[in-house]
N, C-alpha and C. Protein backbone atom coordinates (compact mmCIF):
# COMPACT_ATOMS: atom_id res chain seq x y z
N UNK A 1 63.59 -0.31 -10.20
CA UNK A 1 63.31 -1.54 -10.91
C UNK A 1 64.44 -2.52 -10.62
N UNK A 2 64.08 -3.73 -10.24
CA UNK A 2 65.06 -4.78 -9.93
C UNK A 2 64.67 -6.02 -10.71
N UNK A 3 65.65 -6.70 -11.27
CA UNK A 3 65.42 -7.92 -12.04
C UNK A 3 64.42 -7.70 -13.17
N UNK A 4 64.39 -6.48 -13.71
CA UNK A 4 63.51 -6.18 -14.82
C UNK A 4 62.04 -6.12 -14.45
N UNK A 5 61.75 -6.00 -13.15
CA UNK A 5 60.36 -5.96 -12.70
C UNK A 5 60.15 -4.74 -11.81
N UNK A 6 58.99 -4.14 -11.96
CA UNK A 6 58.65 -2.99 -11.14
C UNK A 6 57.23 -3.19 -10.63
N UNK A 7 57.10 -4.15 -9.71
CA UNK A 7 55.79 -4.44 -9.15
C UNK A 7 55.94 -5.01 -7.76
N UNK A 8 54.90 -4.85 -6.96
CA UNK A 8 54.92 -5.35 -5.59
C UNK A 8 54.72 -4.23 -4.60
N UNK A 9 54.67 -4.62 -3.35
CA UNK A 9 54.47 -3.64 -2.28
C UNK A 9 55.03 -4.19 -0.97
N UNK A 10 55.44 -3.28 -0.12
CA UNK A 10 55.93 -3.61 1.21
C UNK A 10 55.33 -2.63 2.19
N UNK A 11 54.74 -3.14 3.25
CA UNK A 11 54.25 -2.32 4.36
C UNK A 11 55.08 -2.66 5.59
N UNK A 12 55.55 -1.66 6.32
CA UNK A 12 56.27 -1.92 7.56
C UNK A 12 55.51 -1.25 8.71
N UNK A 13 55.56 -1.88 9.87
CA UNK A 13 54.85 -1.39 11.05
C UNK A 13 55.86 -1.04 12.12
N UNK A 14 55.76 0.21 12.59
CA UNK A 14 56.71 0.75 13.56
C UNK A 14 55.92 1.25 14.76
N UNK A 15 56.40 0.92 15.96
CA UNK A 15 55.79 1.46 17.18
C UNK A 15 56.20 2.92 17.31
N UNK A 16 55.23 3.80 17.40
CA UNK A 16 55.55 5.24 17.36
C UNK A 16 56.36 5.70 18.57
N UNK A 17 56.07 5.20 19.75
CA UNK A 17 56.76 5.68 20.96
C UNK A 17 58.23 5.28 20.98
N UNK A 18 58.54 4.04 20.60
CA UNK A 18 59.92 3.54 20.68
C UNK A 18 60.62 3.48 19.33
N UNK A 19 59.84 3.63 18.25
CA UNK A 19 60.34 3.50 16.87
C UNK A 19 60.86 2.09 16.58
N UNK A 20 60.41 1.10 17.35
CA UNK A 20 60.81 -0.30 17.12
C UNK A 20 60.04 -0.86 15.94
N UNK A 21 60.72 -1.69 15.17
CA UNK A 21 60.11 -2.38 14.05
C UNK A 21 59.29 -3.54 14.59
N UNK A 22 57.99 -3.56 14.25
CA UNK A 22 57.07 -4.57 14.78
C UNK A 22 56.75 -5.68 13.80
N UNK A 23 56.70 -5.37 12.51
CA UNK A 23 56.32 -6.38 11.54
C UNK A 23 56.17 -5.78 10.16
N UNK A 24 55.79 -6.65 9.21
CA UNK A 24 55.71 -6.21 7.83
C UNK A 24 54.76 -7.09 7.04
N UNK A 25 54.27 -6.55 5.94
CA UNK A 25 53.52 -7.31 4.95
C UNK A 25 54.28 -7.19 3.64
N UNK A 26 54.51 -8.32 2.98
CA UNK A 26 55.28 -8.34 1.74
C UNK A 26 54.41 -8.87 0.61
N UNK A 27 54.33 -8.12 -0.46
CA UNK A 27 53.60 -8.52 -1.65
C UNK A 27 54.56 -8.44 -2.83
N UNK A 28 55.61 -9.28 -2.78
CA UNK A 28 56.67 -9.24 -3.79
C UNK A 28 57.14 -10.66 -4.10
N UNK A 29 57.82 -10.80 -5.25
CA UNK A 29 58.47 -12.06 -5.55
C UNK A 29 59.67 -12.24 -4.65
N UNK A 30 60.06 -13.47 -4.40
CA UNK A 30 61.23 -13.79 -3.58
C UNK A 30 61.11 -13.21 -2.17
N UNK A 31 59.92 -13.19 -1.64
CA UNK A 31 59.68 -12.59 -0.33
C UNK A 31 60.30 -13.40 0.80
N UNK A 32 60.56 -14.70 0.58
CA UNK A 32 61.08 -15.51 1.68
C UNK A 32 62.43 -15.00 2.18
N UNK A 33 63.28 -14.52 1.29
CA UNK A 33 64.58 -14.00 1.72
C UNK A 33 64.39 -12.71 2.53
N UNK A 34 63.55 -11.82 2.03
CA UNK A 34 63.29 -10.58 2.75
C UNK A 34 62.62 -10.85 4.09
N UNK A 35 61.70 -11.80 4.12
CA UNK A 35 61.03 -12.15 5.37
C UNK A 35 62.04 -12.63 6.40
N UNK A 36 63.03 -13.38 5.96
CA UNK A 36 64.08 -13.85 6.87
C UNK A 36 64.86 -12.68 7.45
N UNK A 37 65.22 -11.73 6.62
CA UNK A 37 65.94 -10.54 7.10
C UNK A 37 65.09 -9.74 8.08
N UNK A 38 63.81 -9.60 7.77
CA UNK A 38 62.92 -8.86 8.65
C UNK A 38 62.75 -9.56 9.99
N UNK A 39 62.71 -10.88 9.99
CA UNK A 39 62.63 -11.63 11.25
C UNK A 39 63.86 -11.38 12.11
N UNK A 40 65.03 -11.32 11.48
CA UNK A 40 66.25 -11.00 12.23
C UNK A 40 66.14 -9.61 12.86
N UNK A 41 65.64 -8.65 12.10
CA UNK A 41 65.51 -7.29 12.63
C UNK A 41 64.58 -7.27 13.84
N UNK A 42 63.48 -7.98 13.76
CA UNK A 42 62.53 -8.02 14.87
C UNK A 42 63.15 -8.73 16.07
N UNK A 43 63.81 -9.86 15.84
CA UNK A 43 64.39 -10.62 16.96
C UNK A 43 65.51 -9.85 17.65
N UNK A 44 66.17 -8.96 16.93
CA UNK A 44 67.22 -8.13 17.52
C UNK A 44 66.65 -6.88 18.18
N UNK A 45 65.35 -6.64 18.01
CA UNK A 45 64.72 -5.47 18.62
C UNK A 45 65.19 -4.16 18.03
N UNK A 46 65.49 -4.17 16.73
CA UNK A 46 66.03 -2.97 16.10
C UNK A 46 64.97 -1.88 15.93
N UNK A 47 65.44 -0.66 16.09
CA UNK A 47 64.57 0.50 15.85
C UNK A 47 64.65 0.88 14.38
N UNK A 48 63.74 1.70 13.97
CA UNK A 48 63.71 2.20 12.60
C UNK A 48 65.04 2.87 12.25
N UNK A 49 65.56 3.67 13.15
CA UNK A 49 66.81 4.39 12.90
C UNK A 49 67.99 3.43 12.80
N UNK A 50 68.02 2.41 13.64
CA UNK A 50 69.10 1.41 13.57
C UNK A 50 69.05 0.64 12.26
N UNK A 51 67.86 0.32 11.80
CA UNK A 51 67.71 -0.40 10.53
C UNK A 51 68.24 0.45 9.38
N UNK A 52 67.89 1.73 9.37
CA UNK A 52 68.32 2.59 8.27
C UNK A 52 69.82 2.90 8.30
N UNK A 53 70.50 2.60 9.41
CA UNK A 53 71.95 2.75 9.47
C UNK A 53 72.67 1.58 8.80
N UNK A 54 71.95 0.47 8.58
CA UNK A 54 72.54 -0.73 7.96
C UNK A 54 72.71 -0.52 6.46
N UNK A 55 73.69 -1.23 5.86
CA UNK A 55 73.85 -1.10 4.41
C UNK A 55 72.76 -1.85 3.65
N UNK A 56 72.31 -1.26 2.57
CA UNK A 56 71.38 -1.89 1.62
C UNK A 56 72.08 -1.84 0.27
N UNK A 57 72.46 -2.98 -0.23
CA UNK A 57 73.27 -3.03 -1.45
C UNK A 57 72.43 -2.83 -2.70
N UNK A 58 73.05 -2.27 -3.73
CA UNK A 58 72.39 -1.93 -4.98
C UNK A 58 72.93 -2.81 -6.10
N UNK A 59 72.16 -3.31 -7.00
CA UNK A 59 70.70 -3.33 -7.04
C UNK A 59 70.19 -4.62 -6.42
N UNK A 60 69.33 -4.50 -5.47
CA UNK A 60 68.75 -5.68 -4.82
C UNK A 60 67.29 -5.41 -4.51
N UNK A 61 66.55 -6.48 -4.30
CA UNK A 61 65.16 -6.35 -3.90
C UNK A 61 65.05 -5.67 -2.54
N UNK A 62 66.07 -5.84 -1.71
CA UNK A 62 66.05 -5.25 -0.37
C UNK A 62 66.02 -3.73 -0.39
N UNK A 63 66.40 -3.13 -1.49
CA UNK A 63 66.30 -1.67 -1.58
C UNK A 63 64.85 -1.22 -1.44
N UNK A 64 63.92 -2.07 -1.82
CA UNK A 64 62.51 -1.75 -1.62
C UNK A 64 62.16 -1.69 -0.14
N UNK A 65 62.83 -2.52 0.67
CA UNK A 65 62.65 -2.44 2.12
C UNK A 65 63.13 -1.10 2.65
N UNK A 66 64.29 -0.69 2.17
CA UNK A 66 64.84 0.59 2.61
C UNK A 66 63.87 1.72 2.29
N UNK A 67 63.28 1.68 1.11
CA UNK A 67 62.31 2.70 0.73
C UNK A 67 61.12 2.70 1.69
N UNK A 68 60.63 1.52 2.05
CA UNK A 68 59.50 1.42 2.98
C UNK A 68 59.88 1.98 4.36
N UNK A 69 61.09 1.68 4.82
CA UNK A 69 61.53 2.20 6.12
C UNK A 69 61.72 3.71 6.07
N UNK A 70 62.24 4.23 4.97
CA UNK A 70 62.39 5.69 4.84
C UNK A 70 61.03 6.37 4.83
N UNK A 71 60.07 5.76 4.17
CA UNK A 71 58.71 6.33 4.16
C UNK A 71 58.13 6.34 5.57
N UNK A 72 58.35 5.26 6.32
CA UNK A 72 57.88 5.21 7.70
C UNK A 72 58.52 6.30 8.55
N UNK A 73 59.83 6.53 8.34
CA UNK A 73 60.54 7.57 9.10
C UNK A 73 59.94 8.95 8.81
N UNK A 74 59.64 9.22 7.53
CA UNK A 74 59.03 10.50 7.18
C UNK A 74 57.67 10.66 7.83
N UNK A 75 56.91 9.58 7.92
CA UNK A 75 55.58 9.67 8.55
C UNK A 75 55.68 9.93 10.06
N UNK A 76 56.76 9.47 10.69
CA UNK A 76 56.92 9.66 12.13
C UNK A 76 57.46 11.06 12.46
N UNK A 77 58.06 11.72 11.51
CA UNK A 77 58.68 13.03 11.79
C UNK A 77 57.70 14.16 11.61
């Protein structure tokens, strides 16, 4: 729960062969900031593993992104 709210959803899309981050769908408040961060990740060509090596500070909305990326990693393994 962040900012007293526990609602929303994030979908991330990963290319299975290269594990590159391809895109995302955001159904959350304040999505413009997260969308900006995700655009940086895509423009840098980051892989799922490289993204998960980055710090995600607590408590922030971005922790929801980390959860989505961790879920994607579990699905690929």
